[in-house]
Amino acid sequence: MSTPTLTGQVIGQAHYATRALLERAAAPLGVSFGQVLALNVLAGGPVERDRLVQRITGTLKVDAPAVQEIIAGLVDAGLAHSAAVDGGASVGGPEIRLTDTGRAVQGRIAKAVGDITTRLYGDIPADEAATVARVLTLVTQRANAELAALPASSM
């Protein structure tokens, strides 16, 4: 096998193949890829709605209404709920919190991700994995900088 050249196509193929495995693991739980990302953020504790929207729009590169639909789907499914911060209004809107069911689903997803990660990356030497992580982080930073510089109508 020849050594492939690092291109967006190679990176994209790895992303989509891995994402397909995660989507197949999440589908029986009734959770979309975007909802998986939101559940993972919420696993760290309650998050103000505006901050959650910002985090997921930045990750998925989608607009805020698409993320609002993701959040609404989690709430409708009983996986998350919206609550006022300390009984009052907050700057970023109400907090979104996982329900007990949401925590259980997120735990099952985390286990599936761990299993996928072990199968895909487990035998890659640590120094090679660290190099790939540095390169992909740099590529992501550069792409995000270019996206931030584009006028909103270009997206």
N, C-alpha and C. Protein backbone atom coordinates (compact mmCIF):
# COMPACT_ATOMS: atom_id res chain seq x y z
N MET A 1 0.84 -1.18 0.00
CA MET A 1 0.00 0.00 0.00
C MET A 1 0.88 1.23 0.00
N SER A 2 0.62 2.15 -0.92
CA SER A 2 1.42 3.37 -0.98
C SER A 2 0.97 4.35 0.09
N THR A 3 1.87 5.22 0.47
CA THR A 3 1.57 6.22 1.49
C THR A 3 0.69 7.30 0.87
N PRO A 4 -0.51 7.51 1.43
CA PRO A 4 -1.39 8.54 0.85
C PRO A 4 -0.87 9.94 1.17
N THR A 5 -1.24 10.87 0.32
CA THR A 5 -0.92 12.27 0.54
C THR A 5 -2.00 12.87 1.43
N LEU A 6 -1.60 13.68 2.39
CA LEU A 6 -2.57 14.32 3.28
C LEU A 6 -3.32 15.40 2.51
N THR A 7 -4.61 15.17 2.32
CA THR A 7 -5.47 16.12 1.63
C THR A 7 -6.79 16.21 2.38
N GLY A 8 -7.59 17.19 2.02
CA GLY A 8 -8.92 17.31 2.58
C GLY A 8 -9.75 16.08 2.30
N GLN A 9 -9.53 15.47 1.15
CA GLN A 9 -10.29 14.27 0.79
C GLN A 9 -9.96 13.11 1.73
N VAL A 10 -8.69 12.92 2.05
CA VAL A 10 -8.28 11.85 2.95
C VAL A 10 -8.85 12.11 4.35
N ILE A 11 -8.74 13.36 4.80
CA ILE A 11 -9.28 13.72 6.11
C ILE A 11 -10.80 13.52 6.12
N GLY A 12 -11.46 13.97 5.07
CA GLY A 12 -12.92 13.84 4.99
C GLY A 12 -13.37 12.39 4.97
N GLN A 13 -12.66 11.55 4.25
CA GLN A 13 -13.03 10.13 4.20
C GLN A 13 -12.92 9.49 5.58
N ALA A 14 -11.87 9.84 6.31
CA ALA A 14 -11.72 9.30 7.67
C ALA A 14 -12.84 9.82 8.57
N HIS A 15 -13.16 11.10 8.44
CA HIS A 15 -14.24 11.68 9.24
C HIS A 15 -15.57 11.00 8.96
N TYR A 16 -15.92 10.89 7.68
CA TYR A 16 -17.24 10.33 7.34
C TYR A 16 -17.35 8.85 7.67
N ALA A 17 -16.25 8.11 7.52
CA ALA A 17 -16.29 6.69 7.88
C ALA A 17 -16.49 6.53 9.39
N THR A 18 -15.77 7.34 10.17
CA THR A 18 -15.91 7.28 11.62
C THR A 18 -17.29 7.76 12.05
N ARG A 19 -17.75 8.84 11.44
CA ARG A 19 -19.08 9.36 11.76
C ARG A 19 -20.17 8.34 11.46
N ALA A 20 -20.03 7.62 10.36
CA ALA A 20 -21.02 6.60 10.01
C ALA A 20 -21.08 5.51 11.09
N LEU A 21 -19.93 5.13 11.64
CA LEU A 21 -19.94 4.14 12.72
C LEU A 21 -20.66 4.69 13.95
N LEU A 22 -20.39 5.95 14.28
CA LEU A 22 -21.05 6.56 15.44
C LEU A 22 -22.55 6.70 15.20
N GLU A 23 -22.93 7.13 14.00
CA GLU A 23 -24.36 7.27 13.71
C GLU A 23 -25.08 5.93 13.81
N ARG A 24 -24.42 4.87 13.37
CA ARG A 24 -25.04 3.53 13.47
C ARG A 24 -25.15 3.09 14.93
N ALA A 25 -24.21 3.48 15.75
CA ALA A 25 -24.28 3.14 17.18
C ALA A 25 -25.35 3.96 17.88
N ALA A 26 -25.57 5.20 17.45
CA ALA A 26 -26.54 6.09 18.09
C ALA A 26 -27.97 5.87 17.59
N ALA A 27 -28.12 5.37 16.38
CA ALA A 27 -29.46 5.23 15.77
C ALA A 27 -30.42 4.39 16.62
N PRO A 28 -30.01 3.25 17.17
CA PRO A 28 -30.96 2.48 17.99
C PRO A 28 -31.41 3.23 19.24
N LEU A 29 -30.65 4.24 19.64
CA LEU A 29 -31.01 5.05 20.80
C LEU A 29 -31.92 6.22 20.40
N GLY A 30 -32.17 6.36 19.10
CA GLY A 30 -33.02 7.44 18.61
C GLY A 30 -32.36 8.81 18.64
N VAL A 31 -31.04 8.82 18.53
CA VAL A 31 -30.28 10.06 18.67
C VAL A 31 -29.52 10.34 17.37
N SER A 32 -29.59 11.59 16.90
CA SER A 32 -28.87 12.00 15.70
C SER A 32 -27.43 12.38 16.06
N PHE A 33 -26.61 12.56 15.05
CA PHE A 33 -25.21 12.94 15.27
C PHE A 33 -25.14 14.27 16.01
N GLY A 34 -25.92 15.25 15.60
CA GLY A 34 -25.92 16.55 16.29
C GLY A 34 -26.35 16.41 17.74
N GLN A 35 -27.31 15.55 17.99
CA GLN A 35 -27.75 15.33 19.36
C GLN A 35 -26.67 14.64 20.19
N VAL A 36 -25.91 13.76 19.57
CA VAL A 36 -24.78 13.13 20.27
C VAL A 36 -23.82 14.21 20.75
N LEU A 37 -23.50 15.16 19.87
CA LEU A 37 -22.57 16.22 20.24
C LEU A 37 -23.13 17.04 21.40
N ALA A 38 -24.41 17.38 21.33
CA ALA A 38 -25.04 18.17 22.40
C ALA A 38 -25.07 17.38 23.71
N LEU A 39 -25.40 16.10 23.65
CA LEU A 39 -25.39 15.27 24.85
C LEU A 39 -24.00 15.23 25.48
N ASN A 40 -22.98 15.14 24.66
CA ASN A 40 -21.61 15.11 25.18
C ASN A 40 -21.26 16.41 25.88
N VAL A 41 -21.68 17.53 25.32
CA VAL A 41 -21.43 18.82 25.97
C VAL A 41 -22.18 18.86 27.31
N LEU A 42 -23.43 18.45 27.30
CA LEU A 42 -24.26 18.50 28.50
C LEU A 42 -23.82 17.52 29.57
N ALA A 43 -23.07 16.49 29.19
CA ALA A 43 -22.58 15.52 30.17
C ALA A 43 -21.67 16.18 31.19
N GLY A 44 -21.08 17.31 30.84
CA GLY A 44 -20.22 18.04 31.76
C GLY A 44 -20.99 18.88 32.77
N GLY A 45 -22.30 18.93 32.64
CA GLY A 45 -23.13 19.72 33.54
C GLY A 45 -24.00 20.68 32.75
N PRO A 46 -24.90 21.38 33.44
CA PRO A 46 -25.82 22.30 32.75
C PRO A 46 -25.06 23.36 31.95
N VAL A 47 -25.66 23.75 30.83
CA VAL A 47 -25.06 24.76 29.95
C VAL A 47 -26.14 25.75 29.55
N GLU A 48 -25.82 27.04 29.61
CA GLU A 48 -26.77 28.04 29.14
C GLU A 48 -27.08 27.77 27.67
N ARG A 49 -28.35 27.91 27.32
CA ARG A 49 -28.80 27.60 25.96
C ARG A 49 -27.95 28.31 24.91
N ASP A 50 -27.73 29.61 25.07
CA ASP A 50 -26.96 30.36 24.07
C ASP A 50 -25.54 29.81 23.92
N ARG A 51 -24.95 29.42 25.03
CA ARG A 51 -23.59 28.86 24.98
C ARG A 51 -23.60 27.50 24.28
N LEU A 52 -24.63 26.69 24.55
CA LEU A 52 -24.75 25.39 23.89
C LEU A 52 -24.93 25.58 22.39
N VAL A 53 -25.79 26.51 22.01
CA VAL A 53 -26.01 26.80 20.58
C VAL A 53 -24.70 27.21 19.94
N GLN A 54 -23.98 28.11 20.59
CA GLN A 54 -22.70 28.59 20.05
C GLN A 54 -21.70 27.44 19.90
N ARG A 55 -21.64 26.59 20.88
CA ARG A 55 -20.69 25.47 20.85
C ARG A 55 -21.00 24.51 19.70
N ILE A 56 -22.28 24.17 19.53
CA ILE A 56 -22.64 23.20 18.49
C ILE A 56 -22.59 23.84 17.10
N THR A 57 -22.96 25.10 16.96
CA THR A 57 -22.82 25.75 15.64
C THR A 57 -21.35 25.78 15.24
N GLY A 58 -20.48 26.04 16.20
CA GLY A 58 -19.05 26.07 15.91
C GLY A 58 -18.48 24.71 15.55
N THR A 59 -19.03 23.68 16.13
CA THR A 59 -18.55 22.32 15.84
C THR A 59 -19.09 21.80 14.52
N LEU A 60 -20.41 21.92 14.33
CA LEU A 60 -21.04 21.36 13.13
C LEU A 60 -21.01 22.30 11.92
N LYS A 61 -20.71 23.57 12.16
CA LYS A 61 -20.70 24.58 11.08
C LYS A 61 -22.10 24.70 10.47
N VAL A 62 -23.11 24.77 11.34
CA VAL A 62 -24.50 24.97 10.93
C VAL A 62 -25.00 26.24 11.60
N ASP A 63 -26.19 26.70 11.18
CA ASP A 63 -26.72 27.92 11.76
C ASP A 63 -27.46 27.64 13.07
N ALA A 64 -27.72 28.71 13.81
CA ALA A 64 -28.36 28.59 15.12
C ALA A 64 -29.73 27.91 15.07
N PRO A 65 -30.60 28.21 14.08
CA PRO A 65 -31.88 27.51 14.05
C PRO A 65 -31.74 25.99 13.95
N ALA A 66 -30.72 25.51 13.25
CA ALA A 66 -30.51 24.06 13.16
C ALA A 66 -30.15 23.49 14.52
N VAL A 67 -29.38 24.22 15.29
CA VAL A 67 -29.00 23.75 16.63
C VAL A 67 -30.19 23.84 17.58
N GLN A 68 -31.02 24.88 17.41
CA GLN A 68 -32.22 24.97 18.23
C GLN A 68 -33.10 23.74 18.00
N GLU A 69 -33.16 23.25 16.77
CA GLU A 69 -33.92 22.01 16.47
C GLU A 69 -33.30 20.80 17.16
N ILE A 70 -31.98 20.75 17.19
CA ILE A 70 -31.28 19.66 17.87
C ILE A 70 -31.66 19.66 19.35
N ILE A 71 -31.62 20.84 19.97
CA ILE A 71 -31.95 20.96 21.39
C ILE A 71 -33.42 20.61 21.62
N ALA A 72 -34.29 21.11 20.76
CA ALA A 72 -35.72 20.80 20.90
C ALA A 72 -35.96 19.30 20.80
N GLY A 73 -35.24 18.63 19.92
CA GLY A 73 -35.37 17.19 19.79
C GLY A 73 -34.96 16.46 21.06
N LEU A 74 -33.90 16.94 21.72
CA LEU A 74 -33.47 16.34 22.98
C LEU A 74 -34.52 16.54 24.07
N VAL A 75 -35.08 17.74 24.11
CA VAL A 75 -36.11 18.04 25.12
C VAL A 75 -37.36 17.22 24.84
N ASP A 76 -37.79 17.18 23.57
CA ASP A 76 -38.99 16.41 23.20
C ASP A 76 -38.83 14.92 23.52
N ALA A 77 -37.61 14.41 23.39
CA ALA A 77 -37.35 12.99 23.66
C ALA A 77 -37.15 12.70 25.15
N GLY A 78 -37.19 13.75 25.96
CA GLY A 78 -37.01 13.57 27.40
C GLY A 78 -35.57 13.33 27.81
N LEU A 79 -34.63 13.70 26.94
CA LEU A 79 -33.22 13.50 27.25
C LEU A 79 -32.60 14.72 27.92
N ALA A 80 -33.24 15.87 27.75
CA ALA A 80 -32.76 17.12 28.35
C ALA A 80 -33.96 17.97 28.71
N HIS A 81 -33.73 18.94 29.58
CA HIS A 81 -34.78 19.90 29.89
C HIS A 81 -34.16 21.27 30.10
N SER A 82 -35.00 22.27 30.00
CA SER A 82 -34.59 23.64 30.14
C SER A 82 -35.00 24.13 31.52
N ALA A 83 -34.11 24.82 32.20
CA ALA A 83 -34.43 25.32 33.53
C ALA A 83 -33.81 26.70 33.71
N ALA A 84 -34.50 27.56 34.43
CA ALA A 84 -33.96 28.88 34.74
C ALA A 84 -32.72 28.71 35.62
N VAL A 85 -31.78 29.63 35.48
CA VAL A 85 -30.56 29.57 36.26
C VAL A 85 -30.86 30.12 37.65
N ASP A 86 -30.65 29.31 38.68
CA ASP A 86 -30.88 29.72 40.07
C ASP A 86 -32.23 30.38 40.27
N GLY A 87 -33.24 29.88 39.58
CA GLY A 87 -34.58 30.40 39.75
C GLY A 87 -34.85 31.71 39.05
N GLY A 88 -33.91 32.26 38.33
CA GLY A 88 -34.11 33.54 37.66
C GLY A 88 -33.58 33.52 36.25
N ALA A 89 -33.68 34.64 35.58
CA ALA A 89 -33.20 34.76 34.20
C ALA A 89 -31.68 34.87 34.20
N SER A 90 -31.08 34.43 33.14
CA SER A 90 -29.63 34.56 32.99
C SER A 90 -29.33 35.28 31.69
N VAL A 91 -28.12 35.72 31.56
CA VAL A 91 -27.71 36.45 30.36
C VAL A 91 -27.83 35.58 29.12
N GLY A 92 -27.41 34.34 29.20
CA GLY A 92 -27.38 33.45 28.05
C GLY A 92 -28.63 32.61 27.87
N GLY A 93 -29.68 32.92 28.60
CA GLY A 93 -30.90 32.14 28.50
C GLY A 93 -30.90 31.01 29.51
N PRO A 94 -31.97 30.26 29.53
CA PRO A 94 -32.06 29.18 30.51
C PRO A 94 -30.99 28.12 30.28
N GLU A 95 -30.71 27.40 31.33
CA GLU A 95 -29.76 26.29 31.22
C GLU A 95 -30.45 25.08 30.63
N ILE A 96 -29.68 24.32 29.89
CA ILE A 96 -30.13 23.03 29.38
C ILE A 96 -29.41 21.99 30.22
N ARG A 97 -30.17 21.02 30.73
CA ARG A 97 -29.62 19.98 31.59
C ARG A 97 -30.05 18.61 31.07
N LEU A 98 -29.21 17.63 31.29
CA LEU A 98 -29.59 16.26 30.98
C LEU A 98 -30.59 15.76 32.02
N THR A 99 -31.54 14.98 31.55
CA THR A 99 -32.41 14.25 32.46
C THR A 99 -31.69 12.96 32.85
N ASP A 100 -32.27 12.19 33.75
CA ASP A 100 -31.68 10.90 34.09
C ASP A 100 -31.60 10.01 32.84
N THR A 101 -32.65 10.04 32.04
CA THR A 101 -32.66 9.26 30.80
C THR A 101 -31.57 9.76 29.86
N GLY A 102 -31.41 11.07 29.77
CA GLY A 102 -30.36 11.65 28.93
C GLY A 102 -28.98 11.24 29.37
N ARG A 103 -28.76 11.19 30.69
CA ARG A 103 -27.46 10.74 31.20
C ARG A 103 -27.21 9.28 30.84
N ALA A 104 -28.25 8.47 30.93
CA ALA A 104 -28.10 7.05 30.59
C ALA A 104 -27.78 6.88 29.11
N VAL A 105 -28.48 7.61 28.25
CA VAL A 105 -28.24 7.53 26.81
C VAL A 105 -26.83 8.04 26.49
N GLN A 106 -26.44 9.16 27.10
CA GLN A 106 -25.11 9.69 26.86
C GLN A 106 -24.05 8.70 27.32
N GLY A 107 -24.28 8.00 28.41
CA GLY A 107 -23.34 6.99 28.88
C GLY A 107 -23.18 5.85 27.90
N ARG A 108 -24.31 5.43 27.31
CA ARG A 108 -24.25 4.35 26.30
C ARG A 108 -23.49 4.82 25.06
N ILE A 109 -23.70 6.08 24.68
CA ILE A 109 -22.99 6.64 23.53
C ILE A 109 -21.50 6.74 23.83
N ALA A 110 -21.16 7.19 25.03
CA ALA A 110 -19.74 7.31 25.42
C ALA A 110 -19.06 5.94 25.36
N LYS A 111 -19.76 4.91 25.81
CA LYS A 111 -19.19 3.57 25.73
C LYS A 111 -18.98 3.15 24.27
N ALA A 112 -19.98 3.42 23.43
CA ALA A 112 -19.85 3.08 22.01
C ALA A 112 -18.69 3.83 21.37
N VAL A 113 -18.54 5.10 21.70
CA VAL A 113 -17.43 5.90 21.17
C VAL A 113 -16.10 5.31 21.65
N GLY A 114 -16.03 4.95 22.90
CA GLY A 114 -14.81 4.33 23.42
C GLY A 114 -14.47 3.05 22.69
N ASP A 115 -15.48 2.23 22.43
CA ASP A 115 -15.25 0.98 21.70
C ASP A 115 -14.78 1.25 20.27
N ILE A 116 -15.43 2.21 19.60
CA ILE A 116 -15.03 2.56 18.23
C ILE A 116 -13.60 3.09 18.23
N THR A 117 -13.30 3.96 19.18
CA THR A 117 -11.97 4.55 19.26
C THR A 117 -10.91 3.47 19.46
N THR A 118 -11.18 2.52 20.33
CA THR A 118 -10.23 1.43 20.56
C THR A 118 -10.01 0.62 19.29
N ARG A 119 -11.10 0.30 18.60
CA ARG A 119 -10.96 -0.50 17.37
C ARG A 119 -10.20 0.26 16.29
N LEU A 120 -10.47 1.55 16.14
CA LEU A 120 -9.86 2.31 15.04
C LEU A 120 -8.46 2.83 15.35
N TYR A 121 -8.22 3.22 16.60
CA TYR A 121 -6.96 3.88 16.93
C TYR A 121 -6.07 3.10 17.89
N GLY A 122 -6.59 2.04 18.47
CA GLY A 122 -5.90 1.35 19.54
C GLY A 122 -4.50 0.86 19.23
N ASP A 123 -4.24 0.45 17.99
CA ASP A 123 -2.92 -0.09 17.67
C ASP A 123 -2.01 0.91 16.96
N ILE A 124 -2.43 2.16 16.88
CA ILE A 124 -1.58 3.19 16.26
C ILE A 124 -0.56 3.63 17.31
N PRO A 125 0.73 3.60 16.96
CA PRO A 125 1.75 4.02 17.93
C PRO A 125 1.48 5.44 18.45
N ALA A 126 1.73 5.65 19.74
CA ALA A 126 1.40 6.92 20.41
C ALA A 126 2.05 8.12 19.72
N ASP A 127 3.30 7.99 19.27
CA ASP A 127 3.96 9.13 18.63
C ASP A 127 3.31 9.47 17.30
N GLU A 128 2.87 8.48 16.57
CA GLU A 128 2.18 8.74 15.30
C GLU A 128 0.81 9.36 15.56
N ALA A 129 0.09 8.86 16.54
CA ALA A 129 -1.21 9.43 16.88
C ALA A 129 -1.07 10.88 17.33
N ALA A 130 -0.03 11.18 18.10
CA ALA A 130 0.20 12.55 18.56
C ALA A 130 0.50 13.48 17.38
N THR A 131 1.26 13.00 16.42
CA THR A 131 1.57 13.80 15.23
C THR A 131 0.30 14.08 14.43
N VAL A 132 -0.50 13.06 14.22
CA VAL A 132 -1.76 13.24 13.48
C VAL A 132 -2.66 14.23 14.22
N ALA A 133 -2.74 14.10 15.53
CA ALA A 133 -3.59 15.02 16.32
C ALA A 133 -3.11 16.46 16.16
N ARG A 134 -1.81 16.67 16.21
CA ARG A 134 -1.27 18.04 16.03
C ARG A 134 -1.60 18.57 14.64
N VAL A 135 -1.42 17.77 13.62
CA VAL A 135 -1.66 18.20 12.25
C VAL A 135 -3.15 18.52 12.06
N LEU A 136 -4.02 17.63 12.51
CA LEU A 136 -5.46 17.86 12.33
C LEU A 136 -5.94 19.06 13.13
N THR A 137 -5.38 19.28 14.32
CA THR A 137 -5.73 20.46 15.10
C THR A 137 -5.32 21.73 14.35
N LEU A 138 -4.14 21.73 13.77
CA LEU A 138 -3.68 22.88 13.00
C LEU A 138 -4.57 23.13 11.78
N VAL A 139 -4.92 22.07 11.06
CA VAL A 139 -5.80 22.20 9.89
C VAL A 139 -7.15 22.76 10.32
N THR A 140 -7.68 22.27 11.42
CA THR A 140 -8.97 22.76 11.92
C THR A 140 -8.88 24.23 12.29
N GLN A 141 -7.83 24.63 12.98
CA GLN A 141 -7.65 26.04 13.35
C GLN A 141 -7.58 26.93 12.10
N ARG A 142 -6.86 26.49 11.10
CA ARG A 142 -6.74 27.29 9.87
C ARG A 142 -8.08 27.39 9.15
N ALA A 143 -8.79 26.27 9.06
CA ALA A 143 -10.10 26.29 8.39
C ALA A 143 -11.08 27.17 9.16
N ASN A 144 -11.08 27.08 10.48
CA ASN A 144 -11.96 27.93 11.28
C ASN A 144 -11.62 29.40 11.11
N ALA A 145 -10.35 29.74 11.01
CA ALA A 145 -9.94 31.12 10.78
C ALA A 145 -10.43 31.62 9.42
N GLU A 146 -10.33 30.77 8.41
CA GLU A 146 -10.83 31.17 7.09
C GLU A 146 -12.34 31.33 7.10
N LEU A 147 -13.04 30.43 7.77
CA LEU A 147 -14.50 30.54 7.87
C LEU A 147 -14.89 31.83 8.58
N ALA A 148 -14.18 32.17 9.64
CA ALA A 148 -14.49 33.40 10.40
C ALA A 148 -14.26 34.65 9.57
N ALA A 149 -13.34 34.58 8.61
CA ALA A 149 -13.03 35.74 7.78
C ALA A 149 -14.01 35.92 6.61
N LEU A 150 -14.81 34.88 6.32
CA LEU A 150 -15.75 34.97 5.22
C LEU A 150 -16.98 35.79 5.61
N PRO A 151 -17.54 36.54 4.67
CA PRO A 151 -18.80 37.21 4.96
C PRO A 151 -19.88 36.16 5.21
N ALA A 152 -20.84 36.48 6.04
CA ALA A 152 -21.89 35.52 6.42
C ALA A 152 -22.61 34.95 5.20
N SER A 153 -22.76 35.72 4.14
CA SER A 153 -23.48 35.25 2.96
C SER A 153 -22.68 34.23 2.15
N SER A 154 -21.38 34.06 2.46
CA SER A 154 -20.56 33.10 1.73
C SER A 154 -20.72 31.68 2.21
N MET A 155 -21.44 31.50 3.31
CA MET A 155 -21.56 30.16 3.89
C MET A 155 -22.80 29.48 3.48
